[in-house]
Amino acid sequence: MTCRITSVIQENIATINQYRTVGEGVEIMVNRGVGSLVVMEGSSVVGYFTERDLMVRVVGKRRDPARTPIHEVMTRDLVRVEYNATCKYSLNLMREYRIRHLVVFDGPRFLGVVSMRDIAAQVTRSVNYSDIMVNVVGGVVLLVVLSVIGILIYLVPDMMGFVKRFFA
């Protein structure tokens, strides 16, 4: 069974209009307890704003968060993934682009966000029980075969005596 991101898509995500200020964005992030925002223009996703963007593009450049529009410091080149992507594919994208979140779409429709943390949790939960059963059955069969071999080895001297008496 292949792990898919479908079950870990965060649909109730924090968003902000691209013309709001960084200060307003930080307030939303603090109140919601999140480290990133999806930046919107109407119903369209136009960017992503993260704690890293705040540190590098605002604090690091000594920009005033109260006056800086979020669209000036957001990440524009979004790495997107389709809603039915595999966990492995999604994690590979995150590693390749050195990011921790992907925006999820169903064709042109924005669905939400997946995080590296949520995918990792899903991967650890999605132990394939058929694989476990194969291992259990294989272990039992191995024990039976070894038991039969052990019995045969134990009986070899008796069988040799029988063969000698039979052919003598």
N, C-alpha and C. Protein backbone atom coordinates (compact mmCIF):
# COMPACT_ATOMS: atom_id res chain seq x y z
N MET A 1 0.84 -1.17 0.00
CA MET A 1 0.00 0.00 0.00
C MET A 1 0.89 1.25 0.00
N THR A 2 0.63 2.17 -0.88
CA THR A 2 1.42 3.38 -1.02
C THR A 2 0.84 4.49 -0.16
N CYS A 3 1.70 5.17 0.56
CA CYS A 3 1.28 6.30 1.38
C CYS A 3 0.97 7.49 0.47
N ARG A 4 -0.19 8.08 0.66
CA ARG A 4 -0.60 9.26 -0.11
C ARG A 4 -0.82 10.43 0.85
N ILE A 5 -0.65 11.64 0.34
CA ILE A 5 -0.77 12.83 1.19
C ILE A 5 -2.22 13.23 1.42
N THR A 6 -3.14 12.59 0.75
CA THR A 6 -4.55 12.97 0.81
C THR A 6 -5.05 13.15 2.24
N SER A 7 -4.65 12.25 3.13
CA SER A 7 -5.18 12.30 4.49
C SER A 7 -4.48 13.32 5.39
N VAL A 8 -3.42 13.95 4.92
CA VAL A 8 -2.71 14.93 5.77
C VAL A 8 -2.76 16.35 5.23
N ILE A 9 -3.61 16.58 4.25
CA ILE A 9 -3.74 17.94 3.70
C ILE A 9 -4.43 18.82 4.74
N GLN A 10 -3.76 19.90 5.11
CA GLN A 10 -4.34 20.87 6.05
C GLN A 10 -5.22 21.81 5.25
N GLU A 11 -6.51 21.72 5.48
CA GLU A 11 -7.46 22.54 4.71
C GLU A 11 -7.80 23.84 5.41
N ASN A 12 -7.78 23.85 6.71
CA ASN A 12 -8.10 25.04 7.49
C ASN A 12 -6.80 25.79 7.79
N ILE A 13 -6.25 26.41 6.77
CA ILE A 13 -4.95 27.03 6.90
C ILE A 13 -5.07 28.55 7.05
N ALA A 14 -4.02 29.12 7.58
CA ALA A 14 -3.99 30.57 7.76
C ALA A 14 -3.64 31.23 6.44
N THR A 15 -4.44 32.22 6.07
CA THR A 15 -4.19 32.95 4.82
C THR A 15 -4.15 34.44 5.12
N ILE A 16 -3.62 35.17 4.14
CA ILE A 16 -3.57 36.63 4.24
C ILE A 16 -3.61 37.21 2.83
N ASN A 17 -4.24 38.35 2.71
CA ASN A 17 -4.25 39.06 1.43
C ASN A 17 -2.87 39.64 1.19
N GLN A 18 -2.43 39.59 -0.05
CA GLN A 18 -1.06 40.00 -0.38
C GLN A 18 -0.77 41.47 -0.08
N TYR A 19 -1.79 42.30 0.06
CA TYR A 19 -1.57 43.72 0.32
C TYR A 19 -1.57 44.07 1.80
N ARG A 20 -1.79 43.08 2.67
CA ARG A 20 -1.70 43.32 4.11
C ARG A 20 -0.22 43.43 4.50
N THR A 21 0.05 43.93 5.66
CA THR A 21 1.45 44.13 6.07
C THR A 21 2.03 42.87 6.72
N VAL A 22 3.33 42.85 6.77
CA VAL A 22 4.04 41.76 7.44
C VAL A 22 3.62 41.70 8.90
N GLY A 23 3.49 42.86 9.53
CA GLY A 23 3.07 42.92 10.93
C GLY A 23 1.72 42.24 11.14
N GLU A 24 0.79 42.47 10.23
CA GLU A 24 -0.52 41.81 10.31
C GLU A 24 -0.37 40.30 10.11
N GLY A 25 0.51 39.93 9.21
CA GLY A 25 0.76 38.50 8.97
C GLY A 25 1.35 37.82 10.19
N VAL A 26 2.30 38.48 10.83
CA VAL A 26 2.91 37.92 12.03
C VAL A 26 1.86 37.77 13.13
N GLU A 27 0.98 38.74 13.25
CA GLU A 27 -0.09 38.67 14.25
C GLU A 27 -0.98 37.44 13.99
N ILE A 28 -1.32 37.19 12.75
CA ILE A 28 -2.12 36.01 12.40
C ILE A 28 -1.36 34.74 12.75
N MET A 29 -0.07 34.71 12.41
CA MET A 29 0.74 33.53 12.70
C MET A 29 0.80 33.26 14.20
N VAL A 30 0.99 34.29 14.99
CA VAL A 30 1.06 34.14 16.44
C VAL A 30 -0.28 33.67 16.99
N ASN A 31 -1.37 34.31 16.57
CA ASN A 31 -2.70 33.95 17.07
C ASN A 31 -3.12 32.54 16.68
N ARG A 32 -2.72 32.10 15.50
CA ARG A 32 -3.09 30.76 15.02
C ARG A 32 -2.07 29.70 15.42
N GLY A 33 -0.92 30.12 15.91
CA GLY A 33 0.12 29.17 16.31
C GLY A 33 0.73 28.44 15.13
N VAL A 34 0.93 29.17 14.03
CA VAL A 34 1.49 28.58 12.81
C VAL A 34 2.76 29.31 12.43
N GLY A 35 3.55 28.68 11.57
CA GLY A 35 4.81 29.27 11.14
C GLY A 35 4.79 29.76 9.71
N SER A 36 3.59 29.75 9.10
CA SER A 36 3.52 30.18 7.70
C SER A 36 2.10 30.59 7.34
N LEU A 37 2.01 31.35 6.26
CA LEU A 37 0.72 31.81 5.74
C LEU A 37 0.67 31.59 4.23
N VAL A 38 -0.49 31.24 3.74
CA VAL A 38 -0.72 31.22 2.30
C VAL A 38 -1.17 32.62 1.94
N VAL A 39 -0.50 33.20 0.96
CA VAL A 39 -0.80 34.57 0.55
C VAL A 39 -1.76 34.52 -0.64
N MET A 40 -2.86 35.27 -0.50
CA MET A 40 -3.94 35.20 -1.48
C MET A 40 -4.16 36.55 -2.17
N GLU A 41 -4.70 36.47 -3.37
CA GLU A 41 -5.26 37.61 -4.08
C GLU A 41 -6.63 37.15 -4.50
N GLY A 42 -7.64 37.57 -3.77
CA GLY A 42 -8.98 37.03 -4.00
C GLY A 42 -8.98 35.56 -3.61
N SER A 43 -9.35 34.70 -4.57
CA SER A 43 -9.37 33.26 -4.29
C SER A 43 -8.16 32.54 -4.88
N SER A 44 -7.20 33.31 -5.37
CA SER A 44 -6.01 32.72 -5.98
C SER A 44 -4.82 32.78 -5.03
N VAL A 45 -4.06 31.69 -5.01
CA VAL A 45 -2.83 31.64 -4.22
C VAL A 45 -1.74 32.34 -5.02
N VAL A 46 -1.10 33.34 -4.41
CA VAL A 46 -0.05 34.08 -5.11
C VAL A 46 1.31 33.94 -4.44
N GLY A 47 1.34 33.38 -3.23
CA GLY A 47 2.62 33.24 -2.55
C GLY A 47 2.49 32.52 -1.24
N TYR A 48 3.61 32.44 -0.55
CA TYR A 48 3.69 31.76 0.73
C TYR A 48 4.63 32.58 1.60
N PHE A 49 4.25 32.82 2.83
CA PHE A 49 5.08 33.60 3.75
C PHE A 49 5.41 32.74 4.96
N THR A 50 6.69 32.60 5.23
CA THR A 50 7.14 31.73 6.32
C THR A 50 7.96 32.52 7.34
N GLU A 51 8.22 31.86 8.46
CA GLU A 51 9.09 32.46 9.48
C GLU A 51 10.46 32.78 8.88
N ARG A 52 10.91 31.94 7.98
CA ARG A 52 12.21 32.20 7.34
C ARG A 52 12.15 33.47 6.49
N ASP A 53 11.05 33.66 5.75
CA ASP A 53 10.89 34.91 4.99
C ASP A 53 10.94 36.11 5.93
N LEU A 54 10.29 35.99 7.07
CA LEU A 54 10.28 37.07 8.05
C LEU A 54 11.71 37.39 8.49
N MET A 55 12.46 36.36 8.83
CA MET A 55 13.82 36.57 9.34
C MET A 55 14.77 37.10 8.26
N VAL A 56 14.73 36.50 7.09
CA VAL A 56 15.70 36.85 6.04
C VAL A 56 15.32 38.14 5.31
N ARG A 57 14.05 38.25 4.92
CA ARG A 57 13.64 39.35 4.04
C ARG A 57 13.11 40.58 4.78
N VAL A 58 12.78 40.43 6.05
CA VAL A 58 12.25 41.57 6.80
C VAL A 58 13.25 41.96 7.89
N VAL A 59 13.43 41.11 8.88
CA VAL A 59 14.32 41.43 9.99
C VAL A 59 15.76 41.60 9.49
N GLY A 60 16.22 40.65 8.68
CA GLY A 60 17.59 40.70 8.17
C GLY A 60 17.88 41.91 7.29
N LYS A 61 16.84 42.44 6.66
CA LYS A 61 17.00 43.62 5.80
C LYS A 61 16.56 44.90 6.51
N ARG A 62 16.24 44.76 7.80
CA ARG A 62 15.82 45.90 8.63
C ARG A 62 14.63 46.65 8.04
N ARG A 63 13.67 45.88 7.54
CA ARG A 63 12.45 46.50 7.01
C ARG A 63 11.43 46.62 8.13
N ASP A 64 10.58 47.59 8.04
CA ASP A 64 9.56 47.82 9.05
C ASP A 64 8.37 46.90 8.78
N PRO A 65 8.11 45.93 9.66
CA PRO A 65 6.99 45.00 9.46
C PRO A 65 5.63 45.70 9.38
N ALA A 66 5.49 46.83 10.06
CA ALA A 66 4.21 47.55 10.06
C ALA A 66 3.94 48.26 8.74
N ARG A 67 4.98 48.46 7.95
CA ARG A 67 4.81 49.20 6.68
C ARG A 67 5.10 48.35 5.44
N THR A 68 5.65 47.16 5.63
CA THR A 68 6.04 46.34 4.49
C THR A 68 4.89 45.44 4.06
N PRO A 69 4.40 45.61 2.82
CA PRO A 69 3.35 44.71 2.33
C PRO A 69 3.92 43.29 2.20
N ILE A 70 3.13 42.34 2.55
CA ILE A 70 3.60 40.95 2.57
C ILE A 70 3.99 40.47 1.17
N HIS A 71 3.36 41.02 0.12
CA HIS A 71 3.69 40.58 -1.24
C HIS A 71 5.12 40.95 -1.64
N GLU A 72 5.73 41.91 -0.95
CA GLU A 72 7.10 42.29 -1.26
C GLU A 72 8.13 41.32 -0.68
N VAL A 73 7.74 40.53 0.29
CA VAL A 73 8.71 39.65 0.96
C VAL A 73 8.30 38.17 0.96
N MET A 74 7.18 37.86 0.33
CA MET A 74 6.71 36.47 0.32
C MET A 74 7.51 35.65 -0.69
N THR A 75 7.40 34.36 -0.58
CA THR A 75 7.97 33.44 -1.57
C THR A 75 6.96 33.33 -2.71
N ARG A 76 7.43 33.63 -3.90
CA ARG A 76 6.53 33.62 -5.07
C ARG A 76 6.57 32.30 -5.83
N ASP A 77 7.72 31.72 -5.92
CA ASP A 77 7.86 30.47 -6.68
C ASP A 77 7.41 29.30 -5.83
N LEU A 78 6.13 29.03 -5.89
CA LEU A 78 5.56 27.98 -5.05
C LEU A 78 5.85 26.60 -5.63
N VAL A 79 6.16 25.70 -4.74
CA VAL A 79 6.30 24.31 -5.12
C VAL A 79 4.97 23.67 -4.79
N ARG A 80 4.30 23.22 -5.84
CA ARG A 80 2.95 22.68 -5.66
C ARG A 80 2.93 21.19 -5.94
N VAL A 81 1.91 20.55 -5.42
CA VAL A 81 1.78 19.12 -5.60
C VAL A 81 0.29 18.82 -5.76
N GLU A 82 -0.01 17.78 -6.51
CA GLU A 82 -1.40 17.36 -6.68
C GLU A 82 -1.85 16.60 -5.44
N TYR A 83 -3.12 16.66 -5.16
CA TYR A 83 -3.70 16.10 -3.93
C TYR A 83 -3.47 14.60 -3.76
N ASN A 84 -3.26 13.88 -4.84
CA ASN A 84 -3.10 12.42 -4.74
C ASN A 84 -1.64 11.97 -4.84
N ALA A 85 -0.72 12.89 -4.64
CA ALA A 85 0.71 12.56 -4.72
C ALA A 85 1.09 11.60 -3.59
N THR A 86 2.13 10.85 -3.83
CA THR A 86 2.60 9.93 -2.79
C THR A 86 3.42 10.71 -1.76
N CYS A 87 3.52 10.12 -0.58
CA CYS A 87 4.32 10.73 0.48
C CYS A 87 5.78 10.81 0.05
N LYS A 88 6.26 9.75 -0.59
CA LYS A 88 7.66 9.72 -1.02
C LYS A 88 7.95 10.84 -2.02
N TYR A 89 7.08 11.00 -3.01
CA TYR A 89 7.26 12.05 -4.01
C TYR A 89 7.26 13.43 -3.34
N SER A 90 6.32 13.63 -2.43
CA SER A 90 6.21 14.92 -1.75
C SER A 90 7.44 15.22 -0.91
N LEU A 91 7.93 14.22 -0.17
CA LEU A 91 9.13 14.42 0.63
C LEU A 91 10.35 14.68 -0.26
N ASN A 92 10.42 14.01 -1.40
CA ASN A 92 11.53 14.26 -2.33
C ASN A 92 11.49 15.70 -2.85
N LEU A 93 10.29 16.20 -3.16
CA LEU A 93 10.16 17.61 -3.59
C LEU A 93 10.64 18.55 -2.49
N MET A 94 10.24 18.27 -1.27
CA MET A 94 10.65 19.13 -0.16
C MET A 94 12.16 19.11 0.02
N ARG A 95 12.74 17.95 -0.10
CA ARG A 95 14.20 17.84 0.05
C ARG A 95 14.89 18.58 -1.10
N GLU A 96 14.41 18.38 -2.32
CA GLU A 96 15.02 19.01 -3.50
C GLU A 96 14.99 20.54 -3.39
N TYR A 97 13.87 21.10 -2.95
CA TYR A 97 13.72 22.55 -2.89
C TYR A 97 14.05 23.12 -1.51
N ARG A 98 14.41 22.24 -0.58
CA ARG A 98 14.78 22.64 0.78
C ARG A 98 13.68 23.46 1.44
N ILE A 99 12.47 22.88 1.43
CA ILE A 99 11.31 23.52 2.03
C ILE A 99 10.61 22.52 2.96
N ARG A 100 9.71 23.03 3.79
CA ARG A 100 9.00 22.16 4.72
C ARG A 100 7.50 22.09 4.46
N HIS A 101 7.01 22.85 3.47
CA HIS A 101 5.58 22.85 3.14
C HIS A 101 5.38 22.83 1.64
N LEU A 102 4.31 22.18 1.21
CA LEU A 102 3.89 22.19 -0.19
C LEU A 102 2.45 22.67 -0.26
N VAL A 103 2.15 23.46 -1.28
CA VAL A 103 0.76 23.82 -1.51
C VAL A 103 0.13 22.73 -2.37
N VAL A 104 -1.09 22.36 -2.04
CA VAL A 104 -1.75 21.22 -2.67
C VAL A 104 -2.90 21.71 -3.54
N PHE A 105 -2.93 21.16 -4.76
CA PHE A 105 -3.97 21.53 -5.71
C PHE A 105 -4.64 20.29 -6.27
N ASP A 106 -5.88 20.48 -6.69
CA ASP A 106 -6.61 19.50 -7.49
C ASP A 106 -6.83 20.20 -8.82
N GLY A 107 -5.89 19.98 -9.76
CA GLY A 107 -5.91 20.75 -11.00
C GLY A 107 -5.65 22.21 -10.66
N PRO A 108 -6.57 23.11 -11.06
CA PRO A 108 -6.36 24.53 -10.75
C PRO A 108 -6.88 24.94 -9.37
N ARG A 109 -7.59 24.05 -8.69
CA ARG A 109 -8.24 24.38 -7.41
C ARG A 109 -7.30 24.15 -6.22
N PHE A 110 -7.07 25.20 -5.46
CA PHE A 110 -6.24 25.13 -4.26
C PHE A 110 -6.99 24.38 -3.17
N LEU A 111 -6.33 23.36 -2.57
CA LEU A 111 -6.97 22.56 -1.53
C LEU A 111 -6.42 22.85 -0.13
N GLY A 112 -5.13 23.10 -0.04
CA GLY A 112 -4.54 23.30 1.27
C GLY A 112 -3.03 23.14 1.22
N VAL A 113 -2.47 22.74 2.36
CA VAL A 113 -1.03 22.65 2.52
C VAL A 113 -0.69 21.32 3.18
N VAL A 114 0.46 20.75 2.82
CA VAL A 114 0.99 19.60 3.57
C VAL A 114 2.37 19.99 4.09
N SER A 115 2.65 19.52 5.29
CA SER A 115 3.94 19.82 5.89
C SER A 115 4.78 18.55 5.99
N MET A 116 6.07 18.74 6.05
CA MET A 116 6.99 17.62 6.20
C MET A 116 6.67 16.85 7.48
N ARG A 117 6.35 17.55 8.54
CA ARG A 117 6.03 16.92 9.82
C ARG A 117 4.80 16.01 9.69
N ASP A 118 3.75 16.50 9.01
CA ASP A 118 2.53 15.70 8.87
C ASP A 118 2.76 14.47 7.99
N ILE A 119 3.56 14.62 6.94
CA ILE A 119 3.85 13.47 6.08
C ILE A 119 4.67 12.44 6.84
N ALA A 120 5.65 12.90 7.61
CA ALA A 120 6.46 11.97 8.40
C ALA A 120 5.59 11.19 9.38
N ALA A 121 4.64 11.88 10.02
CA ALA A 121 3.73 11.20 10.95
C ALA A 121 2.87 10.19 10.21
N GLN A 122 2.40 10.55 9.02
CA GLN A 122 1.58 9.63 8.22
C GLN A 122 2.38 8.40 7.82
N VAL A 123 3.61 8.60 7.41
CA VAL A 123 4.46 7.48 7.00
C VAL A 123 4.65 6.51 8.16
N THR A 124 4.88 7.04 9.35
CA THR A 124 5.09 6.16 10.49
C THR A 124 3.80 5.46 10.92
N ARG A 125 2.64 6.07 10.66
CA ARG A 125 1.35 5.44 10.99
C ARG A 125 0.93 4.42 9.96
N SER A 126 1.35 4.58 8.73
CA SER A 126 0.81 3.75 7.66
C SER A 126 1.62 2.47 7.46
N VAL A 127 1.82 1.75 8.54
CA VAL A 127 2.49 0.46 8.45
C VAL A 127 1.54 -0.47 7.71
N ASN A 128 2.04 -1.14 6.73
CA ASN A 128 1.21 -2.01 5.92
C ASN A 128 1.01 -3.34 6.65
N TYR A 129 -0.22 -3.59 7.10
CA TYR A 129 -0.50 -4.78 7.90
C TYR A 129 -0.37 -6.06 7.10
N SER A 130 -0.54 -6.01 5.79
CA SER A 130 -0.33 -7.22 5.00
C SER A 130 1.15 -7.61 5.02
N ASP A 131 2.04 -6.63 5.06
CA ASP A 131 3.47 -6.93 5.18
C ASP A 131 3.76 -7.60 6.51
N ILE A 132 3.09 -7.13 7.56
CA ILE A 132 3.29 -7.73 8.88
C ILE A 132 2.81 -9.17 8.85
N MET A 133 1.66 -9.42 8.23
CA MET A 133 1.13 -10.79 8.16
C MET A 133 2.07 -11.69 7.36
N VAL A 134 2.61 -11.20 6.27
CA VAL A 134 3.56 -11.99 5.48
C VAL A 134 4.76 -12.36 6.35
N ASN A 135 5.24 -11.42 7.13
CA ASN A 135 6.38 -11.70 8.02
C ASN A 135 6.02 -12.71 9.10
N VAL A 136 4.83 -12.60 9.67
CA VAL A 136 4.41 -13.55 10.71
C VAL A 136 4.27 -14.95 10.12
N VAL A 137 3.57 -15.04 8.99
CA VAL A 137 3.38 -16.36 8.35
C VAL A 137 4.73 -16.93 7.92
N GLY A 138 5.58 -16.10 7.36
CA GLY A 138 6.91 -16.56 6.96
C GLY A 138 7.70 -17.06 8.16
N GLY A 139 7.60 -16.36 9.28
CA GLY A 139 8.29 -16.79 10.50
C GLY A 139 7.77 -18.12 11.01
N VAL A 140 6.46 -18.30 10.97
CA VAL A 140 5.86 -19.56 11.42
C VAL A 140 6.30 -20.71 10.51
N VAL A 141 6.26 -20.48 9.21
CA VAL A 141 6.70 -21.52 8.26
C VAL A 141 8.16 -21.88 8.51
N LEU A 142 8.98 -20.88 8.72
CA LEU A 142 10.40 -21.13 9.01
C LEU A 142 10.57 -21.97 10.28
N LEU A 143 9.80 -21.64 11.32
CA LEU A 143 9.86 -22.43 12.55
C LEU A 143 9.44 -23.88 12.32
N VAL A 144 8.40 -24.09 11.52
CA VAL A 144 7.94 -25.46 11.22
C VAL A 144 9.02 -26.22 10.46
N VAL A 145 9.60 -25.59 9.44
CA VAL A 145 10.64 -26.25 8.65
C VAL A 145 11.84 -26.59 9.52
N LEU A 146 12.27 -25.67 10.36
CA LEU A 146 13.40 -25.94 11.25
C LEU A 146 13.08 -27.04 12.25
N SER A 147 11.83 -27.06 12.72
CA SER A 147 11.41 -28.13 13.64
C SER A 147 11.46 -29.49 12.95
N VAL A 148 10.97 -29.56 11.73
CA VAL A 148 10.99 -30.83 10.98
C VAL A 148 12.43 -31.27 10.75
N ILE A 149 13.29 -30.33 10.37
CA ILE A 149 14.71 -30.67 10.17
C ILE A 149 15.32 -31.17 11.47
N GLY A 150 15.00 -30.51 12.58
CA GLY A 150 15.51 -30.94 13.88
C GLY A 150 15.04 -32.34 14.23
N ILE A 151 13.78 -32.64 13.98
CA ILE A 151 13.24 -33.98 14.26
C ILE A 151 13.94 -35.01 13.39
N LEU A 152 14.13 -34.67 12.11
CA LEU A 152 14.80 -35.62 11.20
C LEU A 152 16.23 -35.88 11.65
N ILE A 153 16.92 -34.87 12.06
CA ILE A 153 18.30 -35.04 12.54
C ILE A 153 18.30 -35.92 13.80
N TYR A 154 17.33 -35.69 14.67
CA TYR A 154 17.22 -36.49 15.88
C TYR A 154 16.94 -37.97 15.55
N LEU A 155 16.16 -38.20 14.51
CA LEU A 155 15.76 -39.56 14.16
C LEU A 155 16.73 -40.27 13.22
N VAL A 156 17.71 -39.57 12.68
CA VAL A 156 18.64 -40.19 11.72
C VAL A 156 19.30 -41.45 12.29
N PRO A 157 19.82 -41.45 13.51
CA PRO A 157 20.45 -42.69 14.01
C PRO A 157 19.46 -43.86 14.05
N ASP A 158 18.23 -43.60 14.50
CA ASP A 158 17.22 -44.67 14.53
C ASP A 158 16.88 -45.16 13.12
N MET A 159 16.80 -44.19 12.16
CA MET A 159 16.47 -44.57 10.78
C MET A 159 17.62 -45.37 10.16
N MET A 160 18.84 -45.04 10.50
CA MET A 160 19.99 -45.78 9.98
C MET A 160 19.97 -47.21 10.49
N GLY A 161 19.61 -47.36 11.79
CA GLY A 161 19.51 -48.71 12.36
C GLY A 161 18.41 -49.50 11.67
N PHE A 162 17.29 -48.86 11.37
CA PHE A 162 16.20 -49.54 10.67
C PHE A 162 16.62 -49.99 9.29
N VAL A 163 17.33 -49.09 8.58
CA VAL A 163 17.79 -49.42 7.23
C VAL A 163 18.74 -50.60 7.27
N LYS A 164 19.64 -50.62 8.22
CA LYS A 164 20.62 -51.73 8.34
C LYS A 164 19.88 -53.03 8.63
N ARG A 165 18.89 -53.03 9.52
CA ARG A 165 18.14 -54.25 9.83
C ARG A 165 17.29 -54.69 8.64
N PHE A 166 16.73 -53.70 7.89
CA PHE A 166 15.87 -54.02 6.75
C PHE A 166 16.64 -54.68 5.63
N PHE A 167 17.83 -54.18 5.36
CA PHE A 167 18.63 -54.72 4.26
C PHE A 167 19.60 -55.81 4.71
N ALA A 168 19.64 -56.12 5.96
CA ALA A 168 20.57 -57.15 6.43
C ALA A 168 19.99 -58.54 6.34
